[in-house]
């Protein structure tokens, strides 16, 4: 995507960050969008483990997308 001058020496992450910023592509918006999509698909406990965040933070994200997981929890408890 961003070719370096020497193929044996990759571009440093700070330089890639600056190039992306000049193009108007920030990392935070993409991470937040990905986390919201994940929060809509998995319960807070799984989101916390996958995103490497606290359960409180993951609960806030799942509450933000307003997904109700009570049906999932009841179906899992009936499986065991």
N, C-alpha and C. Protein backbone atom coordinates (compact mmCIF):
# COMPACT_ATOMS: atom_id res chain seq x y z
N UNK A 1 0.82 -1.18 0.00
CA UNK A 1 0.00 0.00 0.00
C UNK A 1 0.87 1.26 0.00
N UNK A 2 1.86 1.30 0.88
CA UNK A 2 2.81 2.40 0.92
C UNK A 2 4.20 1.83 0.74
N UNK A 3 4.67 1.86 -0.47
CA UNK A 3 5.98 1.26 -0.77
C UNK A 3 7.10 2.08 -0.13
N UNK A 4 8.08 1.36 0.42
CA UNK A 4 9.25 2.01 0.98
C UNK A 4 10.32 2.18 -0.09
N UNK A 5 11.36 2.93 0.24
CA UNK A 5 12.45 3.12 -0.71
C UNK A 5 13.23 1.83 -0.91
N UNK A 6 13.41 1.09 0.18
CA UNK A 6 14.15 -0.16 0.14
C UNK A 6 13.20 -1.28 0.57
N UNK A 7 12.97 -2.31 -0.25
CA UNK A 7 12.03 -3.37 0.12
C UNK A 7 12.41 -4.09 1.41
N UNK A 8 13.67 -4.09 1.77
CA UNK A 8 14.11 -4.78 2.99
C UNK A 8 13.83 -3.95 4.24
N UNK A 9 13.51 -2.68 4.07
CA UNK A 9 13.25 -1.81 5.21
C UNK A 9 11.84 -1.23 5.10
N UNK A 10 10.90 -1.75 5.87
CA UNK A 10 9.52 -1.25 5.78
C UNK A 10 9.41 0.18 6.33
N UNK A 11 8.35 0.84 5.95
CA UNK A 11 8.08 2.20 6.42
C UNK A 11 7.71 2.14 7.90
N UNK A 12 8.17 3.12 8.65
CA UNK A 12 7.85 3.17 10.07
C UNK A 12 6.38 3.55 10.26
N UNK A 13 5.82 3.07 11.36
CA UNK A 13 4.39 3.29 11.62
C UNK A 13 4.05 4.77 11.74
N UNK A 14 4.95 5.59 12.27
CA UNK A 14 4.67 7.03 12.40
C UNK A 14 4.53 7.68 11.02
N UNK A 15 5.34 7.24 10.08
CA UNK A 15 5.27 7.80 8.73
C UNK A 15 3.96 7.40 8.04
N UNK A 16 3.54 6.15 8.24
CA UNK A 16 2.26 5.71 7.68
C UNK A 16 1.12 6.51 8.29
N UNK A 17 1.19 6.72 9.60
CA UNK A 17 0.16 7.50 10.29
C UNK A 17 0.05 8.90 9.67
N UNK A 18 1.19 9.56 9.44
CA UNK A 18 1.17 10.90 8.85
C UNK A 18 0.60 10.90 7.43
N UNK A 19 0.97 9.88 6.65
CA UNK A 19 0.43 9.79 5.28
C UNK A 19 -1.09 9.60 5.31
N UNK A 20 -1.57 8.76 6.19
CA UNK A 20 -3.01 8.53 6.29
C UNK A 20 -3.74 9.80 6.75
N UNK A 21 -3.15 10.53 7.69
CA UNK A 21 -3.76 11.77 8.17
C UNK A 21 -3.86 12.79 7.04
N UNK A 22 -2.83 12.88 6.20
CA UNK A 22 -2.86 13.81 5.07
C UNK A 22 -3.96 13.44 4.08
N UNK A 23 -4.28 12.16 4.00
CA UNK A 23 -5.35 11.71 3.12
C UNK A 23 -6.73 11.81 3.76
N UNK A 24 -6.76 12.21 5.04
CA UNK A 24 -8.03 12.36 5.74
C UNK A 24 -8.54 11.06 6.35
N UNK A 25 -7.64 10.10 6.55
CA UNK A 25 -8.02 8.81 7.12
C UNK A 25 -7.45 8.68 8.52
N UNK A 26 -8.30 8.83 9.51
CA UNK A 26 -7.87 8.68 10.90
C UNK A 26 -8.14 7.27 11.39
N UNK A 27 -7.36 6.83 12.33
CA UNK A 27 -7.52 5.48 12.86
C UNK A 27 -8.64 5.34 13.87
N UNK A 28 -8.92 6.39 14.63
CA UNK A 28 -9.90 6.30 15.70
C UNK A 28 -11.30 6.01 15.18
N UNK A 29 -11.70 6.67 14.12
CA UNK A 29 -13.05 6.46 13.57
C UNK A 29 -13.22 5.02 13.10
N UNK A 30 -12.22 4.47 12.46
CA UNK A 30 -12.29 3.09 12.00
C UNK A 30 -12.36 2.09 13.15
N UNK A 31 -11.55 2.34 14.19
CA UNK A 31 -11.59 1.45 15.36
C UNK A 31 -12.93 1.50 16.05
N UNK A 32 -13.48 2.72 16.20
CA UNK A 32 -14.78 2.84 16.85
C UNK A 32 -15.88 2.17 16.04
N UNK A 33 -15.84 2.30 14.73
CA UNK A 33 -16.83 1.66 13.88
C UNK A 33 -16.73 0.14 13.98
N UNK A 34 -15.52 -0.37 13.99
CA UNK A 34 -15.32 -1.82 14.11
C UNK A 34 -15.80 -2.31 15.47
N UNK A 35 -15.52 -1.55 16.52
CA UNK A 35 -15.95 -1.96 17.86
C UNK A 35 -17.47 -1.92 17.98
N UNK A 36 -18.12 -0.94 17.37
CA UNK A 36 -19.58 -0.90 17.39
C UNK A 36 -20.18 -2.08 16.65
N UNK A 37 -19.60 -2.43 15.52
CA UNK A 37 -20.10 -3.58 14.76
C UNK A 37 -19.92 -4.86 15.57
N UNK A 38 -18.79 -4.99 16.24
CA UNK A 38 -18.55 -6.17 17.07
C UNK A 38 -19.48 -6.19 18.27
N UNK A 39 -19.73 -5.03 18.87
CA UNK A 39 -20.62 -4.95 20.02
C UNK A 39 -22.05 -5.33 19.66
N UNK A 40 -22.42 -5.14 18.42
CA UNK A 40 -23.77 -5.53 17.98
C UNK A 40 -23.87 -7.02 17.75
N UNK A 41 -22.73 -7.71 17.59
CA UNK A 41 -22.75 -9.13 17.25
C UNK A 41 -22.40 -10.07 18.39
N UNK A 42 -21.74 -9.57 19.43
CA UNK A 42 -21.32 -10.45 20.53
C UNK A 42 -21.69 -9.84 21.87
N UNK A 43 -21.86 -10.65 22.91
CA UNK A 43 -22.13 -10.13 24.25
C UNK A 43 -20.92 -9.35 24.80
N UNK A 44 -21.16 -8.58 25.84
CA UNK A 44 -20.12 -7.72 26.42
C UNK A 44 -18.91 -8.52 26.90
N UNK A 45 -19.14 -9.68 27.46
CA UNK A 45 -18.01 -10.47 27.95
C UNK A 45 -17.07 -10.89 26.82
N UNK A 46 -17.64 -11.26 25.69
CA UNK A 46 -16.82 -11.63 24.54
C UNK A 46 -16.14 -10.40 23.95
N UNK A 47 -16.85 -9.27 23.90
CA UNK A 47 -16.27 -8.04 23.38
C UNK A 47 -15.07 -7.62 24.22
N UNK A 48 -15.19 -7.73 25.54
CA UNK A 48 -14.08 -7.37 26.43
C UNK A 48 -12.86 -8.24 26.15
N UNK A 49 -13.07 -9.52 25.97
CA UNK A 49 -11.95 -10.43 25.71
C UNK A 49 -11.33 -10.18 24.34
N UNK A 50 -12.17 -9.96 23.32
CA UNK A 50 -11.65 -9.76 21.97
C UNK A 50 -10.98 -8.41 21.78
N UNK A 51 -11.52 -7.38 22.43
CA UNK A 51 -10.97 -6.03 22.25
C UNK A 51 -9.89 -5.71 23.27
N UNK A 52 -9.72 -6.58 24.27
CA UNK A 52 -8.71 -6.32 25.29
C UNK A 52 -9.06 -5.14 26.17
N UNK A 53 -10.33 -5.00 26.50
CA UNK A 53 -10.78 -3.88 27.32
C UNK A 53 -11.47 -4.41 28.57
N UNK A 54 -11.87 -3.52 29.45
CA UNK A 54 -12.54 -3.94 30.68
C UNK A 54 -13.99 -4.32 30.38
N UNK A 55 -14.57 -5.09 31.27
CA UNK A 55 -15.96 -5.50 31.09
C UNK A 55 -16.88 -4.28 31.19
N UNK A 56 -16.53 -3.30 32.03
CA UNK A 56 -17.34 -2.08 32.13
C UNK A 56 -17.34 -1.31 30.81
N UNK A 57 -16.18 -1.19 30.19
CA UNK A 57 -16.08 -0.51 28.91
C UNK A 57 -16.86 -1.28 27.84
N UNK A 58 -16.72 -2.59 27.82
CA UNK A 58 -17.45 -3.40 26.84
C UNK A 58 -18.96 -3.30 27.05
N UNK A 59 -19.39 -3.24 28.31
CA UNK A 59 -20.82 -3.08 28.60
C UNK A 59 -21.32 -1.74 28.09
N UNK A 60 -20.51 -0.70 28.26
CA UNK A 60 -20.90 0.62 27.72
C UNK A 60 -21.08 0.56 26.20
N UNK A 61 -20.17 -0.12 25.51
CA UNK A 61 -20.27 -0.24 24.04
C UNK A 61 -21.52 -1.02 23.64
N UNK A 62 -21.80 -2.13 24.33
CA UNK A 62 -22.99 -2.91 23.98
C UNK A 62 -24.27 -2.15 24.32
N UNK A 63 -24.25 -1.36 25.39
CA UNK A 63 -25.41 -0.52 25.71
C UNK A 63 -25.60 0.57 24.66
N UNK A 64 -24.51 1.06 24.11
CA UNK A 64 -24.58 2.10 23.08
C UNK A 64 -25.29 1.60 21.83
N UNK A 65 -25.07 0.33 21.46
CA UNK A 65 -25.75 -0.21 20.27
C UNK A 65 -27.13 -0.76 20.60
N UNK A 66 -27.46 -0.79 21.89
CA UNK A 66 -28.79 -1.20 22.37
C UNK A 66 -29.21 -2.59 21.89
N UNK A 67 -28.29 -3.53 22.00
CA UNK A 67 -28.60 -4.93 21.66
C UNK A 67 -28.99 -5.66 22.93
N UNK A 68 -30.10 -6.35 22.91
CA UNK A 68 -30.58 -7.10 24.07
C UNK A 68 -30.11 -8.54 23.96
N UNK A 69 -29.32 -8.98 24.94
CA UNK A 69 -28.74 -10.33 24.91
C UNK A 69 -29.47 -11.31 25.82
N UNK A 70 -30.64 -10.95 26.35
CA UNK A 70 -31.33 -11.86 27.27
C UNK A 70 -31.77 -13.13 26.56
N UNK A 71 -32.15 -13.04 25.31
CA UNK A 71 -32.54 -14.24 24.56
C UNK A 71 -31.36 -15.17 24.35
N UNK A 72 -30.20 -14.61 24.07
CA UNK A 72 -28.99 -15.42 23.90
C UNK A 72 -28.63 -16.13 25.20
N UNK A 73 -28.69 -15.39 26.31
CA UNK A 73 -28.34 -15.98 27.60
C UNK A 73 -29.30 -17.10 27.96
N UNK A 74 -30.59 -16.89 27.74
CA UNK A 74 -31.56 -17.93 28.09
C UNK A 74 -31.40 -19.17 27.19
N UNK A 75 -31.06 -18.96 25.92
CA UNK A 75 -30.85 -20.12 25.04
C UNK A 75 -29.60 -20.89 25.42
N UNK A 76 -28.56 -20.20 25.88
CA UNK A 76 -27.32 -20.86 26.30
C UNK A 76 -27.55 -21.65 27.59
N UNK A 77 -28.36 -21.11 28.50
CA UNK A 77 -28.60 -21.82 29.76
C UNK A 77 -29.49 -23.05 29.54
N UNK A 78 -30.35 -23.02 28.52
CA UNK A 78 -31.18 -24.18 28.24
C UNK A 78 -30.41 -25.27 27.52
N UNK A 79 -29.27 -24.91 26.88
CA UNK A 79 -28.43 -25.90 26.19
C UNK A 79 -27.67 -26.80 27.15
N UNK A 80 -27.38 -26.28 28.35
CA UNK A 80 -26.56 -27.09 29.27
C UNK A 80 -27.35 -28.00 30.14
